[in-house]
PDB file of N, CA and C in Angstrom:
ATOM      1  N   UNK A   1       0.852  -1.169   0.000  1.00  0.00           N
ATOM      2  CA  UNK A   1       0.000   0.000   0.000  1.00  0.00           C
ATOM      3  C   UNK A   1       0.897   1.232   0.000  1.00  0.00           C
ATOM      4  N   UNK A   2       0.491   2.234  -0.763  1.00  0.00           N
ATOM      5  CA  UNK A   2       1.248   3.475  -0.868  1.00  0.00           C
ATOM      6  C   UNK A   2       0.388   4.626  -0.384  1.00  0.00           C
ATOM      7  N   UNK A   3       0.970   5.483   0.454  1.00  0.00           N
ATOM      8  CA  UNK A   3       0.300   6.723   0.843  1.00  0.00           C
ATOM      9  C   UNK A   3       1.042   7.866   0.168  1.00  0.00           C
ATOM     10  N   UNK A   4       0.401   8.990   0.049  1.00  0.00           N
ATOM     11  CA  UNK A   4       1.055  10.126  -0.583  1.00  0.00           C
ATOM     12  C   UNK A   4       0.229  11.372  -0.457  1.00  0.00           C
ATOM     13  N   UNK A   5       0.750  12.436  -0.995  1.00  0.00           N
ATOM     14  CA  UNK A   5       0.048  13.706  -0.946  1.00  0.00           C
ATOM     15  C   UNK A   5       0.778  14.776  -1.704  1.00  0.00           C
ATOM     16  N   UNK A   6       0.227  15.946  -1.671  1.00  0.00           N
ATOM     17  CA  UNK A   6       0.803  17.121  -2.309  1.00  0.00           C
ATOM     18  C   UNK A   6       0.803  18.239  -1.284  1.00  0.00           C
ATOM     19  N   UNK A   7       1.888  18.972  -1.225  1.00  0.00           N
ATOM     20  CA  UNK A   7       2.004  20.134  -0.356  1.00  0.00           C
ATOM     21  C   UNK A   7       1.926  21.368  -1.241  1.00  0.00           C
ATOM     22  N   UNK A   8       1.004  22.264  -0.875  1.00  0.00           N
ATOM     23  CA  UNK A   8       0.852  23.520  -1.606  1.00  0.00           C
ATOM     24  C   UNK A   8       0.917  24.672  -0.622  1.00  0.00           C
ATOM     25  N   UNK A   9       1.222  25.847  -1.135  1.00  0.00           N
ATOM     26  CA  UNK A   9       1.265  27.023  -0.266  1.00  0.00           C
ATOM     27  C   UNK A   9      -0.124  27.649  -0.140  1.00  0.00           C
ATOM     28  N   UNK A  10      -0.202  28.773   0.556  1.00  0.00           N
ATOM     29  CA  UNK A  10      -1.486  29.430   0.802  1.00  0.00           C
ATOM     30  C   UNK A  10      -2.144  29.956  -0.467  1.00  0.00           C
ATOM     31  N   UNK A  11      -1.389  30.052  -1.555  1.00  0.00           N
ATOM     32  CA  UNK A  11      -1.938  30.482  -2.838  1.00  0.00           C
ATOM     33  C   UNK A  11      -2.375  29.300  -3.697  1.00  0.00           C
ATOM     34  N   UNK A  12      -2.168  28.098  -3.169  1.00  0.00           N
ATOM     35  CA  UNK A  12      -2.526  26.900  -3.919  1.00  0.00           C
ATOM     36  C   UNK A  12      -1.454  26.446  -4.888  1.00  0.00           C
ATOM     37  N   UNK A  13      -0.275  27.053  -4.815  1.00  0.00           N
ATOM     38  CA  UNK A  13       0.819  26.700  -5.717  1.00  0.00           C
ATOM     39  C   UNK A  13       1.531  25.451  -5.218  1.00  0.00           C
ATOM     40  N   UNK A  14       1.844  24.574  -6.142  1.00  0.00           N
ATOM     41  CA  UNK A  14       2.525  23.322  -5.848  1.00  0.00           C
ATOM     42  C   UNK A  14       3.900  23.586  -5.244  1.00  0.00           C
ATOM     43  N   UNK A  15       4.207  22.914  -4.121  1.00  0.00           N
ATOM     44  CA  UNK A  15       5.542  22.974  -3.526  1.00  0.00           C
ATOM     45  C   UNK A  15       6.259  21.659  -3.788  1.00  0.00           C
ATOM     46  N   UNK A  16       5.658  20.546  -3.369  1.00  0.00           N
ATOM     47  CA  UNK A  16       6.223  19.235  -3.671  1.00  0.00           C
ATOM     48  C   UNK A  16       5.175  18.157  -3.432  1.00  0.00           C
ATOM     49  N   UNK A  17       5.412  17.005  -4.014  1.00  0.00           N
ATOM     50  CA  UNK A  17       4.570  15.836  -3.802  1.00  0.00           C
ATOM     51  C   UNK A  17       5.404  14.752  -3.142  1.00  0.00           C
ATOM     52  N   UNK A  18       4.728  13.794  -2.572  1.00  0.00           N
ATOM     53  CA  UNK A  18       5.443  12.718  -1.890  1.00  0.00           C
ATOM     54  C   UNK A  18       4.629  11.441  -1.929  1.00  0.00           C
ATOM     55  N   UNK A  19       5.319  10.324  -1.787  1.00  0.00           N
ATOM     56  CA  UNK A  19       4.662   9.028  -1.637  1.00  0.00           C
ATOM     57  C   UNK A  19       5.587   8.130  -0.829  1.00  0.00           C
ATOM     58  N   UNK A  20       4.985   7.142  -0.204  1.00  0.00           N
ATOM     59  CA  UNK A  20       5.761   6.227   0.626  1.00  0.00           C
ATOM     60  C   UNK A  20       5.057   4.885   0.662  1.00  0.00           C
ATOM     61  N   UNK A  21       5.815   3.816   0.518  1.00  0.00           N
ATOM     62  CA  UNK A  21       5.271   2.471   0.642  1.00  0.00           C
ATOM     63  C   UNK A  21       5.179   2.157   2.124  1.00  0.00           C
ATOM     64  N   UNK A  22       3.957   1.876   2.600  1.00  0.00           N
ATOM     65  CA  UNK A  22       3.769   1.651   4.033  1.00  0.00           C
ATOM     66  C   UNK A  22       3.373   0.225   4.376  1.00  0.00           C
ATOM     67  N   UNK A  23       3.311  -0.646   3.395  1.00  0.00           N
ATOM     68  CA  UNK A  23       2.934  -2.020   3.679  1.00  0.00           C
ATOM     69  C   UNK A  23       1.430  -2.168   3.793  1.00  0.00           C
ATOM     70  N   UNK A  24       0.992  -3.208   4.440  1.00  0.00           N
ATOM     71  CA  UNK A  24      -0.423  -3.526   4.507  1.00  0.00           C
ATOM     72  C   UNK A  24      -1.073  -2.873   5.727  1.00  0.00           C
ATOM     73  N   UNK A  25      -2.201  -2.186   5.505  1.00  0.00           N
ATOM     74  CA  UNK A  25      -2.948  -1.577   6.602  1.00  0.00           C
ATOM     75  C   UNK A  25      -4.333  -1.196   6.112  1.00  0.00           C
ATOM     76  N   UNK A  26      -5.156  -0.674   7.006  1.00  0.00           N
ATOM     77  CA  UNK A  26      -6.525  -0.301   6.658  1.00  0.00           C
ATOM     78  C   UNK A  26      -6.542   1.004   5.858  1.00  0.00           C
ATOM     79  N   UNK A  27      -7.673   1.285   5.236  1.00  0.00           N
ATOM     80  CA  UNK A  27      -7.830   2.513   4.447  1.00  0.00           C
ATOM     81  C   UNK A  27      -7.632   3.741   5.324  1.00  0.00           C
ATOM     82  N   UNK A  28      -8.206   3.738   6.513  1.00  0.00           N
ATOM     83  CA  UNK A  28      -8.063   4.878   7.418  1.00  0.00           C
ATOM     84  C   UNK A  28      -6.605   5.067   7.836  1.00  0.00           C
ATOM     85  N   UNK A  29      -5.894   3.966   8.053  1.00  0.00           N
ATOM     86  CA  UNK A  29      -4.477   4.059   8.402  1.00  0.00           C
ATOM     87  C   UNK A  29      -3.662   4.614   7.237  1.00  0.00           C
ATOM     88  N   UNK A  30      -4.002   4.254   6.013  1.00  0.00           N
ATOM     89  CA  UNK A  30      -3.309   4.804   4.840  1.00  0.00           C
ATOM     90  C   UNK A  30      -3.461   6.323   4.823  1.00  0.00           C
ATOM     91  N   UNK A  31      -4.692   6.799   5.036  1.00  0.00           N
ATOM     92  CA  UNK A  31      -4.934   8.246   5.070  1.00  0.00           C
ATOM     93  C   UNK A  31      -4.104   8.911   6.166  1.00  0.00           C
ATOM     94  N   UNK A  32      -4.102   8.315   7.343  1.00  0.00           N
ATOM     95  CA  UNK A  32      -3.363   8.897   8.472  1.00  0.00           C
ATOM     96  C   UNK A  32      -1.856   8.869   8.244  1.00  0.00           C
ATOM     97  N   UNK A  33      -1.334   7.777   7.696  1.00  0.00           N
ATOM     98  CA  UNK A  33       0.104   7.718   7.388  1.00  0.00           C
ATOM     99  C   UNK A  33       0.472   8.779   6.350  1.00  0.00           C
ATOM    100  N   UNK A  34      -0.406   9.017   5.382  1.00  0.00           N
ATOM    101  CA  UNK A  34      -0.160  10.072   4.393  1.00  0.00           C
ATOM    102  C   UNK A  34      -0.042  11.430   5.055  1.00  0.00           C
ATOM    103  N   UNK A  35      -0.907  11.702   6.005  1.00  0.00           N
ATOM    104  CA  UNK A  35      -0.846  12.961   6.750  1.00  0.00           C
ATOM    105  C   UNK A  35       0.459  13.045   7.538  1.00  0.00           C
ATOM    106  N   UNK A  36       0.810  11.969   8.232  1.00  0.00           N
ATOM    107  CA  UNK A  36       2.026  11.978   9.045  1.00  0.00           C
ATOM    108  C   UNK A  36       3.273  12.221   8.190  1.00  0.00           C
ATOM    109  N   UNK A  37       3.396  11.536   7.072  1.00  0.00           N
ATOM    110  CA  UNK A  37       4.559  11.749   6.209  1.00  0.00           C
ATOM    111  C   UNK A  37       4.592  13.169   5.666  1.00  0.00           C
ATOM    112  N   UNK A  38       3.437  13.708   5.329  1.00  0.00           N
ATOM    113  CA  UNK A  38       3.388  15.105   4.881  1.00  0.00           C
ATOM    114  C   UNK A  38       3.864  16.063   5.949  1.00  0.00           C
ATOM    115  N   UNK A  39       3.422  15.848   7.191  1.00  0.00           N
ATOM    116  CA  UNK A  39       3.866  16.700   8.299  1.00  0.00           C
ATOM    117  C   UNK A  39       5.367  16.591   8.532  1.00  0.00           C
ATOM    118  N   UNK A  40       5.885  15.376   8.470  1.00  0.00           N
ATOM    119  CA  UNK A  40       7.338  15.181   8.638  1.00  0.00           C
ATOM    120  C   UNK A  40       8.117  15.952   7.576  1.00  0.00           C
ATOM    121  N   UNK A  41       7.672  15.859   6.323  1.00  0.00           N
ATOM    122  CA  UNK A  41       8.369  16.552   5.240  1.00  0.00           C
ATOM    123  C   UNK A  41       8.279  18.069   5.390  1.00  0.00           C
ATOM    124  N   UNK A  42       7.123  18.562   5.792  1.00  0.00           N
ATOM    125  CA  UNK A  42       6.961  20.001   6.018  1.00  0.00           C
ATOM    126  C   UNK A  42       7.946  20.464   7.090  1.00  0.00           C
ATOM    127  N   UNK A  43       8.041  19.728   8.176  1.00  0.00           N
ATOM    128  CA  UNK A  43       8.953  20.103   9.247  1.00  0.00           C
ATOM    129  C   UNK A  43      10.409  19.925   8.835  1.00  0.00           C
ATOM    130  N   UNK A  44      10.740  18.839   8.124  1.00  0.00           N
ATOM    131  CA  UNK A  44      12.116  18.609   7.673  1.00  0.00           C
ATOM    132  C   UNK A  44      12.592  19.707   6.732  1.00  0.00           C
ATOM    133  N   UNK A  45      11.692  20.266   5.948  1.00  0.00           N
ATOM    134  CA  UNK A  45      12.053  21.318   5.002  1.00  0.00           C
ATOM    135  C   UNK A  45      12.001  22.702   5.637  1.00  0.00           C
ATOM    136  N   UNK A  46      11.631  22.752   6.915  1.00  0.00           N
ATOM    137  CA  UNK A  46      11.634  24.026   7.630  1.00  0.00           C
ATOM    138  C   UNK A  46      10.512  24.969   7.227  1.00  0.00           C
ATOM    139  N   UNK A  47       9.441  24.454   6.692  1.00  0.00           N
ATOM    140  CA  UNK A  47       8.317  25.296   6.312  1.00  0.00           C
ATOM    141  C   UNK A  47       7.573  25.693   7.578  1.00  0.00           C
ATOM    142  N   UNK A  48       7.403  26.973   7.797  1.00  0.00           N
ATOM    143  CA  UNK A  48       6.883  27.494   9.072  1.00  0.00           C
ATOM    144  C   UNK A  48       5.539  28.185   8.893  1.00  0.00           C
ATOM    145  N   UNK A  49       4.586  27.508   8.391  1.00  0.00           N
ATOM    146  CA  UNK A  49       3.248  28.067   8.209  1.00  0.00           C
ATOM    147  C   UNK A  49       2.245  27.244   8.988  1.00  0.00           C
ATOM    148  N   UNK A  50       1.064  27.809   9.172  1.00  0.00           N
ATOM    149  CA  UNK A  50      -0.025  27.018   9.723  1.00  0.00           C
ATOM    150  C   UNK A  50      -0.360  25.921   8.733  1.00  0.00           C
ATOM    151  N   UNK A  51      -0.833  24.800   9.231  1.00  0.00           N
ATOM    152  CA  UNK A  51      -1.112  23.651   8.380  1.00  0.00           C
ATOM    153  C   UNK A  51      -2.605  23.414   8.332  1.00  0.00           C
ATOM    154  N   UNK A  52      -3.108  23.247   7.116  1.00  0.00           N
ATOM    155  CA  UNK A  52      -4.490  22.837   6.917  1.00  0.00           C
ATOM    156  C   UNK A  52      -4.445  21.501   6.196  1.00  0.00           C
ATOM    157  N   UNK A  53      -5.029  20.502   6.824  1.00  0.00           N
ATOM    158  CA  UNK A  53      -5.107  19.181   6.210  1.00  0.00           C
ATOM    159  C   UNK A  53      -6.497  19.040   5.619  1.00  0.00           C
ATOM    160  N   UNK A  54      -6.554  18.641   4.364  1.00  0.00           N
ATOM    161  CA  UNK A  54      -7.834  18.395   3.720  1.00  0.00           C
ATOM    162  C   UNK A  54      -7.928  16.919   3.411  1.00  0.00           C
ATOM    163  N   UNK A  55      -9.056  16.329   3.753  1.00  0.00           N
ATOM    164  CA  UNK A  55      -9.266  14.911   3.496  1.00  0.00           C
ATOM    165  C   UNK A  55     -10.717  14.683   3.105  1.00  0.00           C
ATOM    166  N   UNK A  56     -10.917  13.715   2.233  1.00  0.00           N
ATOM    167  CA  UNK A  56     -12.286  13.340   1.898  1.00  0.00           C
ATOM    168  C   UNK A  56     -12.812  12.294   2.879  1.00  0.00           C
ATOM    169  N   UNK A  57     -12.008  11.921   3.850  1.00  0.00           N
ATOM    170  CA  UNK A  57     -12.416  10.963   4.870  1.00  0.00           C
ATOM    171  C   UNK A  57     -12.958  11.715   6.092  1.00  0.00           C
ATOM    172  N   UNK A  58     -14.257  11.608   6.322  1.00  0.00           N
ATOM    173  CA  UNK A  58     -14.837  12.275   7.491  1.00  0.00           C
ATOM    174  C   UNK A  58     -14.262  11.701   8.784  1.00  0.00           C
ATOM    175  N   UNK A  59     -13.884  10.440   8.777  1.00  0.00           N
ATOM    176  CA  UNK A  59     -13.312   9.826   9.972  1.00  0.00           C
ATOM    177  C   UNK A  59     -11.933  10.394  10.288  1.00  0.00           C
ATOM    178  N   UNK A  60     -11.098  10.577   9.273  1.00  0.00           N
ATOM    179  CA  UNK A  60      -9.778  11.192   9.482  1.00  0.00           C
ATOM    180  C   UNK A  60      -9.953  12.598  10.054  1.00  0.00           C
ATOM    181  N   UNK A  61     -10.851  13.368   9.465  1.00  0.00           N
ATOM    182  CA  UNK A  61     -11.093  14.735   9.937  1.00  0.00           C
ATOM    183  C   UNK A  61     -11.566  14.714  11.388  1.00  0.00           C
ATOM    184  N   UNK A  62     -12.498  13.835  11.696  1.00  0.00           N
ATOM    185  CA  UNK A  62     -13.002  13.715  13.075  1.00  0.00           C
ATOM    186  C   UNK A  62     -11.879  13.344  14.041  1.00  0.00           C
ATOM    187  N   UNK A  63     -11.088  12.338  13.676  1.00  0.00           N
ATOM    188  CA  UNK A  63      -9.990  11.899  14.543  1.00  0.00           C
ATOM    189  C   UNK A  63      -8.980  13.016  14.787  1.00  0.00           C
ATOM    190  N   UNK A  64      -8.595  13.742  13.751  1.00  0.00           N
ATOM    191  CA  UNK A  64      -7.570  14.771  13.901  1.00  0.00           C
ATOM    192  C   UNK A  64      -8.094  16.006  14.625  1.00  0.00           C
ATOM    193  N   UNK A  65      -9.378  16.286  14.488  1.00  0.00           N
ATOM    194  CA  UNK A  65      -9.949  17.449  15.167  1.00  0.00           C
ATOM    195  C   UNK A  65     -10.396  17.149  16.595  1.00  0.00           C
ATOM    196  N   UNK A  66     -10.888  15.931  16.835  1.00  0.00           N
ATOM    197  CA  UNK A  66     -11.477  15.621  18.134  1.00  0.00           C
ATOM    198  C   UNK A  66     -10.818  14.459  18.857  1.00  0.00           C
ATOM    199  N   UNK A  67      -9.874  13.765  18.206  1.00  0.00           N
ATOM    200  CA  UNK A  67      -9.252  12.599  18.807  1.00  0.00           C
ATOM    201  C   UNK A  67     -10.088  11.354  18.570  1.00  0.00           C
ATOM    202  N   UNK A  68      -9.590  10.236  19.028  1.00  0.00           N
ATOM    203  CA  UNK A  68     -10.343   8.989  18.896  1.00  0.00           C
ATOM    204  C   UNK A  68     -10.184   8.181  20.172  1.00  0.00           C
ATOM    205  N   UNK A  69     -11.055   7.240  20.350  1.00  0.00           N
ATOM    206  CA  UNK A  69     -11.064   6.383  21.524  1.00  0.00           C
ATOM    207  C   UNK A  69      -9.691   5.712  21.688  1.00  0.00           C
ATOM    208  N   UNK A  70      -9.209   5.676  22.891  1.00  0.00           N
ATOM    209  CA  UNK A  70      -7.879   5.120  23.174  1.00  0.00           C
ATOM    210  C   UNK A  70      -7.741   3.656  22.764  1.00  0.00           C
ATOM    211  N   UNK A  71      -8.846   2.934  22.664  1.00  0.00           N
ATOM    212  CA  UNK A  71      -8.748   1.522  22.270  1.00  0.00           C
ATOM    213  C   UNK A  71      -8.883   1.320  20.763  1.00  0.00           C
ATOM    214  N   UNK A  72      -9.100   2.403  20.015  1.00  0.00           N
ATOM    215  CA  UNK A  72      -9.199   2.293  18.563  1.00  0.00           C
ATOM    216  C   UNK A  72      -7.819   1.953  17.991  1.00  0.00           C
ATOM    217  N   UNK A  73      -7.788   1.176  16.931  1.00  0.00           N
ATOM    218  CA  UNK A  73      -6.512   0.745  16.334  1.00  0.00           C
ATOM    219  C   UNK A  73      -5.692   1.919  15.788  1.00  0.00           C
ATOM    220  N   UNK A  74      -6.307   3.065  15.568  1.00  0.00           N
ATOM    221  CA  UNK A  74      -5.592   4.233  15.041  1.00  0.00           C
ATOM    222  C   UNK A  74      -5.213   5.252  16.112  1.00  0.00           C
ATOM    223  N   UNK A  75      -5.545   4.999  17.359  1.00  0.00           N
ATOM    224  CA  UNK A  75      -5.358   5.988  18.432  1.00  0.00           C
ATOM    225  C   UNK A  75      -3.916   6.466  18.557  1.00  0.00           C
ATOM    226  N   UNK A  76      -2.975   5.562  18.553  1.00  0.00           N
ATOM    227  CA  UNK A  76      -1.564   5.944  18.697  1.00  0.00           C
ATOM    228  C   UNK A  76      -1.114   6.815  17.531  1.00  0.00           C
ATOM    229  N   UNK A  77      -1.481   6.419  16.322  1.00  0.00           N
ATOM    230  CA  UNK A  77      -1.109   7.181  15.128  1.00  0.00           C
ATOM    231  C   UNK A  77      -1.760   8.560  15.140  1.00  0.00           C
ATOM    232  N   UNK A  78      -3.030   8.646  15.481  1.00  0.00           N
ATOM    233  CA  UNK A  78      -3.732   9.933  15.564  1.00  0.00           C
ATOM    234  C   UNK A  78      -3.054  10.838  16.586  1.00  0.00           C
ATOM    235  N   UNK A  79      -2.774  10.318  17.771  1.00  0.00           N
ATOM    236  CA  UNK A  79      -2.132  11.119  18.815  1.00  0.00           C
ATOM    237  C   UNK A  79      -0.759  11.608  18.372  1.00  0.00           C
ATOM    238  N   UNK A  80      -0.002  10.766  17.699  1.00  0.00           N
ATOM    239  CA  UNK A  80       1.328  11.157  17.222  1.00  0.00           C
ATOM    240  C   UNK A  80       1.225  12.275  16.185  1.00  0.00           C
ATOM    241  N   UNK A  81       0.268  12.170  15.267  1.00  0.00           N
ATOM    242  CA  UNK A  81       0.081  13.208  14.241  1.00  0.00           C
ATOM    243  C   UNK A  81      -0.260  14.544  14.899  1.00  0.00           C
ATOM    244  N   UNK A  82      -1.206  14.529  15.816  1.00  0.00           N
ATOM    245  CA  UNK A  82      -1.630  15.760  16.475  1.00  0.00           C
ATOM    246  C   UNK A  82      -0.477  16.373  17.269  1.00  0.00           C
ATOM    247  N   UNK A  83       0.264  15.565  18.018  1.00  0.00           N
ATOM    248  CA  UNK A  83       1.411  16.066  18.772  1.00  0.00           C
ATOM    249  C   UNK A  83       2.475  16.639  17.842  1.00  0.00           C
ATOM    250  N   UNK A  84       2.777  15.935  16.754  1.00  0.00           N
ATOM    251  CA  UNK A  84       3.794  16.397  15.802  1.00  0.00           C
ATOM    252  C   UNK A  84       3.386  17.717  15.162  1.00  0.00           C
ATOM    253  N   UNK A  85       2.134  17.845  14.810  1.00  0.00           N
ATOM    254  CA  UNK A  85       1.656  19.068  14.176  1.00  0.00           C
ATOM    255  C   UNK A  85       1.714  20.246  15.139  1.00  0.00           C
ATOM    256  N   UNK A  86       1.325  20.039  16.371  1.00  0.00           N
ATOM    257  CA  UNK A  86       1.294  21.133  17.341  1.00  0.00           C
ATOM    258  C   UNK A  86       2.671  21.517  17.859  1.00  0.00           C
ATOM    259  N   UNK A  87       3.687  20.707  17.574  1.00  0.00           N
ATOM    260  CA  UNK A  87       5.041  21.032  18.035  1.00  0.00           C
ATOM    261  C   UNK A  87       5.531  22.329  17.409  1.00  0.00           C
ATOM    262  N   UNK A  88       5.163  22.601  16.165  1.00  0.00           N
ATOM    263  CA  UNK A  88       5.703  23.800  15.530  1.00  0.00           C
ATOM    264  C   UNK A  88       4.681  24.609  14.750  1.00  0.00           C
ATOM    265  N   UNK A  89       3.494  24.106  14.554  1.00  0.00           N
ATOM    266  CA  UNK A  89       2.499  24.832  13.789  1.00  0.00           C
ATOM    267  C   UNK A  89       1.116  24.641  14.390  1.00  0.00           C
ATOM    268  N   UNK A  90       0.213  25.477  13.926  1.00  0.00           N
ATOM    269  CA  UNK A  90      -1.195  25.301  14.274  1.00  0.00           C
ATOM    270  C   UNK A  90      -1.798  24.332  13.256  1.00  0.00           C
ATOM    271  N   UNK A  91      -2.629  23.423  13.729  1.00  0.00           N
ATOM    272  CA  UNK A  91      -3.219  22.405  12.863  1.00  0.00           C
ATOM    273  C   UNK A  91      -4.704  22.634  12.696  1.00  0.00           C
ATOM    274  N   UNK A  92      -5.161  22.538  11.466  1.00  0.00           N
ATOM    275  CA  UNK A  92      -6.579  22.589  11.150  1.00  0.00           C
ATOM    276  C   UNK A  92      -6.854  21.467  10.166  1.00  0.00           C
ATOM    277  N   UNK A  93      -7.926  20.750  10.355  1.00  0.00           N
ATOM    278  CA  UNK A  93      -8.269  19.651   9.461  1.00  0.00           C
ATOM    279  C   UNK A  93      -9.690  19.852   8.949  1.00  0.00           C
ATOM    280  N   UNK A  94      -9.837  19.850   7.630  1.00  0.00           N
ATOM    281  CA  UNK A  94     -11.129  20.098   6.996  1.00  0.00           C
ATOM    282  C   UNK A  94     -11.541  18.930   6.126  1.00  0.00           C
ATOM    283  N   UNK A  95     -12.839  18.681   6.091  1.00  0.00           N
ATOM    284  CA  UNK A  95     -13.381  17.684   5.169  1.00  0.00           C
ATOM    285  C   UNK A  95     -13.672  18.365   3.840  1.00  0.00           C
ATOM    286  N   UNK A  96     -13.244  17.741   2.765  1.00  0.00           N
ATOM    287  CA  UNK A  96     -13.619  18.196   1.430  1.00  0.00           C
ATOM    288  C   UNK A  96     -14.113  16.992   0.652  1.00  0.00           C
ATOM    289  N   UNK A  97     -14.979  17.246  -0.289  1.00  0.00           N
ATOM    290  CA  UNK A  97     -15.504  16.164  -1.098  1.00  0.00           C
ATOM    291  C   UNK A  97     -14.500  15.764  -2.161  1.00  0.00           C
ATOM    292  N   UNK A  98     -14.430  14.484  -2.433  1.00  0.00           N
ATOM    293  CA  UNK A  98     -13.483  13.937  -3.398  1.00  0.00           C
ATOM    294  C   UNK A  98     -13.553  14.682  -4.728  1.00  0.00           C
ATOM    295  N   UNK A  99     -14.749  15.103  -5.116  1.00  0.00           N
ATOM    296  CA  UNK A  99     -14.923  15.795  -6.399  1.00  0.00           C
ATOM    297  C   UNK A  99     -14.207  17.140  -6.440  1.00  0.00           C
ATOM    298  N   UNK A 100     -13.893  17.736  -5.280  1.00  0.00           N
ATOM    299  CA  UNK A 100     -13.245  19.046  -5.274  1.00  0.00           C
ATOM    300  C   UNK A 100     -11.725  18.955  -5.319  1.00  0.00           C
ATOM    301  N   UNK A 101     -11.182  17.745  -5.186  1.00  0.00           N
ATOM    302  CA  UNK A 101      -9.735  17.576  -5.274  1.00  0.00           C
ATOM    303  C   UNK A 101      -9.272  17.857  -6.695  1.00  0.00           C
ATOM    304  N   UNK A 102      -8.133  18.507  -6.799  1.00  0.00           N
ATOM    305  CA  UNK A 102      -7.439  18.594  -8.077  1.00  0.00           C
ATOM    306  C   UNK A 102      -6.343  17.553  -7.992  1.00  0.00           C
ATOM    307  N   UNK A 103      -6.242  16.709  -8.994  1.00  0.00           N
ATOM    308  CA  UNK A 103      -5.289  15.611  -8.929  1.00  0.00           C
ATOM    309  C   UNK A 103      -4.091  15.910  -9.815  1.00  0.00           C
ATOM    310  N   UNK A 104      -2.905  15.717  -9.247  1.00  0.00           N
ATOM    311  CA  UNK A 104      -1.651  15.894  -9.970  1.00  0.00           C
ATOM    312  C   UNK A 104      -1.100  14.511 -10.252  1.00  0.00           C
ATOM    313  N   UNK A 105      -0.745  14.213 -11.496  1.00  0.00           N
ATOM    314  CA  UNK A 105      -0.188  12.914 -11.845  1.00  0.00           C
ATOM    315  C   UNK A 105       1.328  13.037 -11.940  1.00  0.00           C
ATOM    316  N   UNK A 106       2.030  12.289 -11.071  1.00  0.00           N
ATOM    317  CA  UNK A 106       3.490  12.314 -11.028  1.00  0.00           C
ATOM    318  C   UNK A 106       4.003  10.905 -11.057  1.00  0.00           C
ATOM    319  N   UNK A 107       4.862  10.625 -11.989  1.00  0.00           N
ATOM    320  CA  UNK A 107       5.466   9.298 -12.103  1.00  0.00           C
ATOM    321  C   UNK A 107       4.443   8.196 -11.871  1.00  0.00           C
ATOM    322  N   UNK A 108       3.313   8.331 -12.551  1.00  0.00           N
ATOM    323  CA  UNK A 108       2.225   7.348 -12.504  1.00  0.00           C
ATOM    324  C   UNK A 108       1.562   7.203 -11.143  1.00  0.00           C
ATOM    325  N   UNK A 109       1.770   8.148 -10.227  1.00  0.00           N
ATOM    326  CA  UNK A 109       1.083   8.140  -8.941  1.00  0.00           C
ATOM    327  C   UNK A 109       0.155   9.349  -8.892  1.00  0.00           C
ATOM    328  N   UNK A 110      -1.035   9.180  -8.393  1.00  0.00           N
ATOM    329  CA  UNK A 110      -1.954  10.303  -8.250  1.00  0.00           C
ATOM    330  C   UNK A 110      -1.822  10.887  -6.855  1.00  0.00           C
ATOM    331  N   UNK A 111      -1.628  12.197  -6.807  1.00  0.00           N
ATOM    332  CA  UNK A 111      -1.530  12.908  -5.552  1.00  0.00           C
ATOM    333  C   UNK A 111      -2.713  13.849  -5.444  1.00  0.00           C
ATOM    334  N   UNK A 112      -3.322  13.957  -4.286  1.00  0.00           N
ATOM    335  CA  UNK A 112      -4.448  14.845  -4.062  1.00  0.00           C
ATOM    336  C   UNK A 112      -3.900  16.217  -3.658  1.00  0.00           C
ATOM    337  N   UNK A 113      -4.421  17.258  -4.267  1.00  0.00           N
ATOM    338  CA  UNK A 113      -3.982  18.610  -3.958  1.00  0.00           C
ATOM    339  C   UNK A 113      -4.658  19.155  -2.727  1.00  0.00           C
ATOM    340  N   UNK A 114      -4.023  20.162  -2.153  1.00  0.00           N
ATOM    341  CA  UNK A 114      -4.544  20.818  -0.977  1.00  0.00           C
ATOM    342  C   UNK A 114      -4.239  22.318  -1.026  1.00  0.00           C
ATOM    343  N   UNK A 115      -3.985  23.048   0.112  1.00  0.00           N
ATOM    344  CA  UNK A 115      -3.651  24.478   0.143  1.00  0.00           C
ATOM    345  C   UNK A 115      -2.915  24.924   1.398  1.00  0.00           C
ATOM    346  N   UNK A 116      -2.779  26.160   1.828  1.00  0.00           N
ATOM    347  CA  UNK A 116      -1.893  26.821   2.797  1.00  0.00           C
ATOM    348  C   UNK A 116      -0.574  26.059   2.898  1.00  0.00           C
ATOM    349  N   UNK A 117      -0.279  25.329   3.916  1.00  0.00           N
ATOM    350  CA  UNK A 117       0.573  24.156   3.743  1.00  0.00           C
ATOM    351  C   UNK A 117      -0.350  23.027   4.076  1.00  0.00           C
ATOM    352  N   UNK A 118      -0.946  22.494   3.088  1.00  0.00           N
ATOM    353  CA  UNK A 118      -1.938  21.453   3.267  1.00  0.00           C
ATOM    354  C   UNK A 118      -1.359  20.137   2.812  1.00  0.00           C
ATOM    355  N   UNK A 119      -1.755  19.102   3.454  1.00  0.00           N
ATOM    356  CA  UNK A 119      -1.291  17.797   3.035  1.00  0.00           C
ATOM    357  C   UNK A 119      -2.422  16.794   3.064  1.00  0.00           C
ATOM    358  N   UNK A 120      -2.249  15.811   2.283  1.00  0.00           N
ATOM    359  CA  UNK A 120      -3.093  14.626   2.087  1.00  0.00           C
ATOM    360  C   UNK A 120      -3.743  14.571   0.774  1.00  0.00           C
TER     361      UNK A 120
END
């Protein structure tokens, strides 16, 4: 399974895309791993803006905005993402409909576009 995303600035201009092979996991975990890798890359590159994560997964948005039950299989990953994001930036997570995504095709991988420093 591969997760990935596109990082754009507040004007919607492409900064970079990314993908990572994460092995076998659930669909929700793929979405969350994509967010985590995007956050890591934003921090590694020293980008110092507020972060807006856009996802077509209402569950991802709910988890990142409100947390999830400690016994949920994604709880550790959700907590790590939220902690990592708040270490250096303000985090906002919004639900968007799949139809509103602009898709960038790179080396035969589809990346979903976002904005501000948005990932996923």
